[in-house]
């Protein structure tokens, strides 16, 4: 189940990256950025700015903000599942995800319980996000044009 979460999330985030690639390559208003964002938080910030500032994306802003909010609301749970060390809890059908929360030099062990039915439901939500992000990618592409990634040496 963790593998499915990982693959479905990668699909969703790839659609987000492709939106940014198309926007950055086609719209001069967004070229003030030093680089195309790499981390999810920076990608989401870029999309919010693009939706607000790029005239050809203005009509997409309400749906785009909803999509960004879905990424934000799911990213912590996804991190617990994908980056945590999963082990079986005493309760049948339940697992614990162990991660470290680090602030400065202090670390705290964080336990995030998850059951199999919760994993199944979360995977459905991630798959829905991936589908919706892909559909939104095509709307962005229609608005700003298409730029396919090229291999860089």
Foldseek 3Di string as FASTA:
>chain_A
DLVLLVVLLVLLVVLLLQLQVLCCVFPPVLVVDPDRDDDLVVSLVSQQCCCVPPVLNVVVNVVSVVLSVLCVVCVVVNCQSNVFDWDDDPDPQKIWGWDWDDDPHDTDIDIDMDGPVRVVVSSVSSNVSSVSSNVVSVVSCVRGNGDDDDDDD
